[in-house]
Amino acid sequence: MTEIHPGQRVAVLADAQNLYHTAQSLYSRNIDYSSLLEKCVSDRALTRAIAYVVRADSPDEERFFEALEDIGFETKIKDIKTFGDGSKKADWDVGMALDAVTLANHVDTVVLCTGDGDFSRLCSHLRHEGVRVEVMAFKESTAEELIAEADSFLDMSERTETFLL
């Protein structure tokens, strides 16, 4: 595992859908992505910040995507798919995992901003490759296996004044 040090290269991968839905269901508030990015980087060298978002044709979403870019996130946008039965789906699990694996040779730390337990195996893989893995999410909706596989976990629920608008 890579220890924290000045000049450490950090990649931040933010699962915007996961964060949004949790912040809305728990607090009826939105994420402060500027504070999130600042805390993720913490005096280290930011190599890449990616926010994975879904286009659902809702009002103001383009403005939200632009705001993320102004803050310093690269946005990766996926259109929501509607199926014949009316169900909808759009997730970035595979895209986030591929980006994390690709970035692993270029960074010391990957910060995953998600509570999705599907990323627990990714954490163990990255750690095996010598990459430090930090997870930032709301503990109430974070899978225990994800917390267990990360080098560190920051519970955003303990700092709502920092992470919520």
Protein backbone atom coordinates (compact mmCIF):
# COMPACT_ATOMS: atom_id res chain seq x y z
CA MET A 1 0.00 0.00 0.00
CA THR A 2 1.19 3.49 -0.80
CA GLU A 3 1.47 5.77 2.21
CA ILE A 4 0.25 9.36 2.12
CA HIS A 5 3.02 11.82 1.22
CA PRO A 6 3.37 15.30 -0.31
CA GLY A 7 3.42 15.13 -4.08
CA GLN A 8 1.36 11.96 -4.05
CA ARG A 9 -0.49 11.58 -7.35
CA VAL A 10 -4.25 11.23 -6.86
CA ALA A 11 -7.12 10.27 -9.15
CA VAL A 12 -10.67 11.03 -7.99
CA LEU A 13 -13.52 8.97 -9.44
CA ALA A 14 -16.96 10.24 -8.40
CA ASP A 15 -20.11 8.19 -8.94
CA ALA A 16 -22.44 11.20 -9.20
CA GLN A 17 -25.64 9.13 -9.34
CA ASN A 18 -24.77 7.21 -6.18
CA LEU A 19 -23.84 10.39 -4.30
CA TYR A 20 -26.87 12.32 -5.56
CA HIS A 21 -29.45 9.69 -4.64
CA THR A 22 -27.96 9.13 -1.20
CA ALA A 23 -27.72 12.85 -0.41
CA GLN A 24 -31.31 13.34 -1.57
CA SER A 25 -32.75 10.37 0.32
CA LEU A 26 -30.90 11.05 3.58
CA TYR A 27 -30.78 14.86 3.66
CA SER A 28 -32.83 16.25 0.73
CA ARG A 29 -29.72 18.20 -0.23
CA ASN A 30 -27.13 18.23 -3.00
CA ILE A 31 -23.44 17.43 -2.97
CA ASP A 32 -20.88 20.24 -2.74
CA TYR A 33 -18.52 18.90 -5.42
CA SER A 34 -16.00 21.68 -4.89
CA SER A 35 -15.54 20.69 -1.23
CA LEU A 36 -15.58 17.02 -2.18
CA LEU A 37 -12.73 17.46 -4.66
CA GLU A 38 -10.75 19.62 -2.25
CA LYS A 39 -11.02 17.00 0.52
CA CYS A 40 -10.18 14.15 -1.87
CA VAL A 41 -6.99 15.84 -3.01
CA SER A 42 -5.87 17.18 0.40
CA ASP A 43 -2.59 18.89 -0.50
CA ARG A 44 -1.61 16.15 -2.92
CA ALA A 45 -1.12 16.34 -6.69
CA LEU A 46 -4.36 15.83 -8.61
CA THR A 47 -3.71 13.71 -11.68
CA ARG A 48 -7.31 13.32 -12.80
CA ALA A 49 -10.82 13.95 -11.44
CA ILE A 50 -13.71 12.27 -13.24
CA ALA A 51 -17.40 12.61 -12.44
CA TYR A 52 -19.58 9.89 -13.92
CA VAL A 53 -23.01 11.33 -14.68
CA VAL A 54 -26.22 10.26 -16.36
CA ARG A 55 -28.18 12.39 -18.80
CA ALA A 56 -31.86 11.97 -17.97
CA ASP A 57 -33.23 15.04 -19.76
CA SER A 58 -34.05 16.77 -16.51
CA PRO A 59 -34.00 20.55 -16.11
CA ASP A 60 -30.65 22.16 -15.34
CA GLU A 61 -28.59 18.99 -15.83
CA GLU A 62 -26.44 20.58 -18.55
CA ARG A 63 -25.71 23.46 -16.16
CA PHE A 64 -24.75 20.87 -13.51
CA PHE A 65 -22.38 19.13 -15.93
CA GLU A 66 -20.76 22.49 -16.78
CA ALA A 67 -20.43 23.33 -13.07
CA LEU A 68 -18.61 20.05 -12.48
CA GLU A 69 -16.16 20.93 -15.27
CA ASP A 70 -15.65 24.42 -13.82
CA ILE A 71 -14.78 22.83 -10.46
CA GLY A 72 -12.15 20.63 -12.12
CA PHE A 73 -13.92 17.38 -12.94
CA GLU A 74 -13.86 15.78 -16.33
CA THR A 75 -17.41 14.59 -16.94
CA LYS A 76 -18.24 11.27 -18.50
CA ILE A 77 -21.87 11.29 -19.55
CA LYS A 78 -24.09 8.31 -20.27
CA ASP A 79 -27.64 8.62 -21.56
CA ILE A 80 -30.30 6.89 -19.50
CA LYS A 81 -31.87 3.89 -21.24
CA THR A 82 -35.60 3.25 -21.07
CA PHE A 83 -36.72 -0.32 -21.64
CA GLY A 84 -39.99 -1.61 -23.09
CA ASP A 85 -41.42 -2.29 -19.64
CA GLY A 86 -40.80 1.34 -18.64
CA SER A 87 -37.81 0.59 -16.42
CA LYS A 88 -34.75 2.80 -16.72
CA LYS A 89 -31.07 2.07 -16.30
CA ALA A 90 -27.76 3.82 -16.58
CA ASP A 91 -24.78 3.02 -14.45
CA TRP A 92 -21.09 3.57 -14.73
CA ASP A 93 -19.70 0.62 -12.74
CA VAL A 94 -17.73 -0.92 -15.60
CA GLY A 95 -16.55 2.47 -16.89
CA MET A 96 -15.34 3.55 -13.45
CA ALA A 97 -13.58 0.23 -12.88
CA LEU A 98 -11.83 0.37 -16.26
CA ASP A 99 -10.70 3.95 -15.67
CA ALA A 100 -9.38 3.03 -12.20
CA VAL A 101 -7.40 0.09 -13.57
CA THR A 102 -6.06 2.23 -16.45
CA LEU A 103 -5.04 5.05 -14.10
CA ALA A 104 -3.41 2.71 -11.56
CA ASN A 105 -0.01 2.89 -13.29
CA HIS A 106 -0.09 6.70 -13.23
CA VAL A 107 -1.18 7.46 -9.66
CA ASP A 108 -0.36 6.58 -6.07
CA THR A 109 -3.93 6.86 -4.79
CA VAL A 110 -7.40 6.38 -6.24
CA VAL A 111 -10.24 8.02 -4.34
CA LEU A 112 -13.59 6.36 -5.05
CA CYS A 113 -16.56 8.58 -4.20
CA THR A 114 -19.28 5.95 -4.03
CA GLY A 115 -20.87 3.55 -1.60
CA ASP A 116 -21.47 0.85 -4.20
CA GLY A 117 -20.28 -2.54 -2.98
CA ASP A 118 -19.63 -3.63 -6.56
CA PHE A 119 -16.33 -1.73 -6.26
CA SER A 120 -14.96 -3.86 -3.40
CA ARG A 121 -13.20 -6.24 -5.79
CA LEU A 122 -11.73 -3.25 -7.62
CA CYS A 123 -10.31 -2.01 -4.31
CA SER A 124 -8.55 -5.29 -3.62
CA HIS A 125 -7.15 -5.35 -7.18
CA LEU A 126 -5.83 -1.78 -6.96
CA ARG A 127 -4.27 -2.43 -3.55
CA HIS A 128 -2.62 -5.57 -4.93
CA GLU A 129 -1.11 -3.34 -7.64
CA GLY A 130 0.34 -1.03 -4.95
CA VAL A 131 -2.24 1.72 -5.26
CA ARG A 132 -3.74 3.26 -2.14
CA VAL A 133 -7.55 3.23 -2.25
CA GLU A 134 -9.63 5.75 -0.34
CA VAL A 135 -13.42 5.69 -0.28
CA MET A 136 -15.58 8.72 0.48
CA ALA A 137 -19.33 8.17 0.82
CA PHE A 138 -22.26 8.25 3.22
CA LYS A 139 -21.85 5.32 5.61
CA GLU A 140 -25.59 4.65 5.78
CA SER A 141 -25.55 3.63 2.14
CA THR A 142 -22.04 2.24 1.81
CA ALA A 143 -21.49 -1.49 1.50
CA GLU A 144 -19.50 -2.97 4.38
CA GLU A 145 -17.34 -4.94 1.94
CA LEU A 146 -16.30 -1.71 0.21
CA ILE A 147 -15.25 -0.13 3.51
CA ALA A 148 -13.36 -3.29 4.45
CA GLU A 149 -11.39 -3.39 1.18
CA ALA A 150 -10.39 0.29 1.17
CA ASP A 151 -7.25 1.63 2.83
CA SER A 152 -9.36 4.39 4.34
CA PHE A 153 -12.99 5.41 4.51
CA LEU A 154 -14.33 8.90 5.10
CA ASP A 155 -17.97 9.03 6.18
CA MET A 156 -19.49 12.08 4.51
CA SER A 157 -22.42 11.87 6.95
CA GLU A 158 -20.08 12.96 9.74
CA ARG A 159 -19.31 16.18 7.84
CA THR A 160 -22.54 17.21 6.16
CA GLU A 161 -21.62 20.89 6.64
CA THR A 162 -18.61 20.27 4.39
CA PHE A 163 -20.04 17.96 1.76
CA LEU A 164 -23.62 19.16 1.28
CA LEU A 165 -25.00 22.38 -0.16
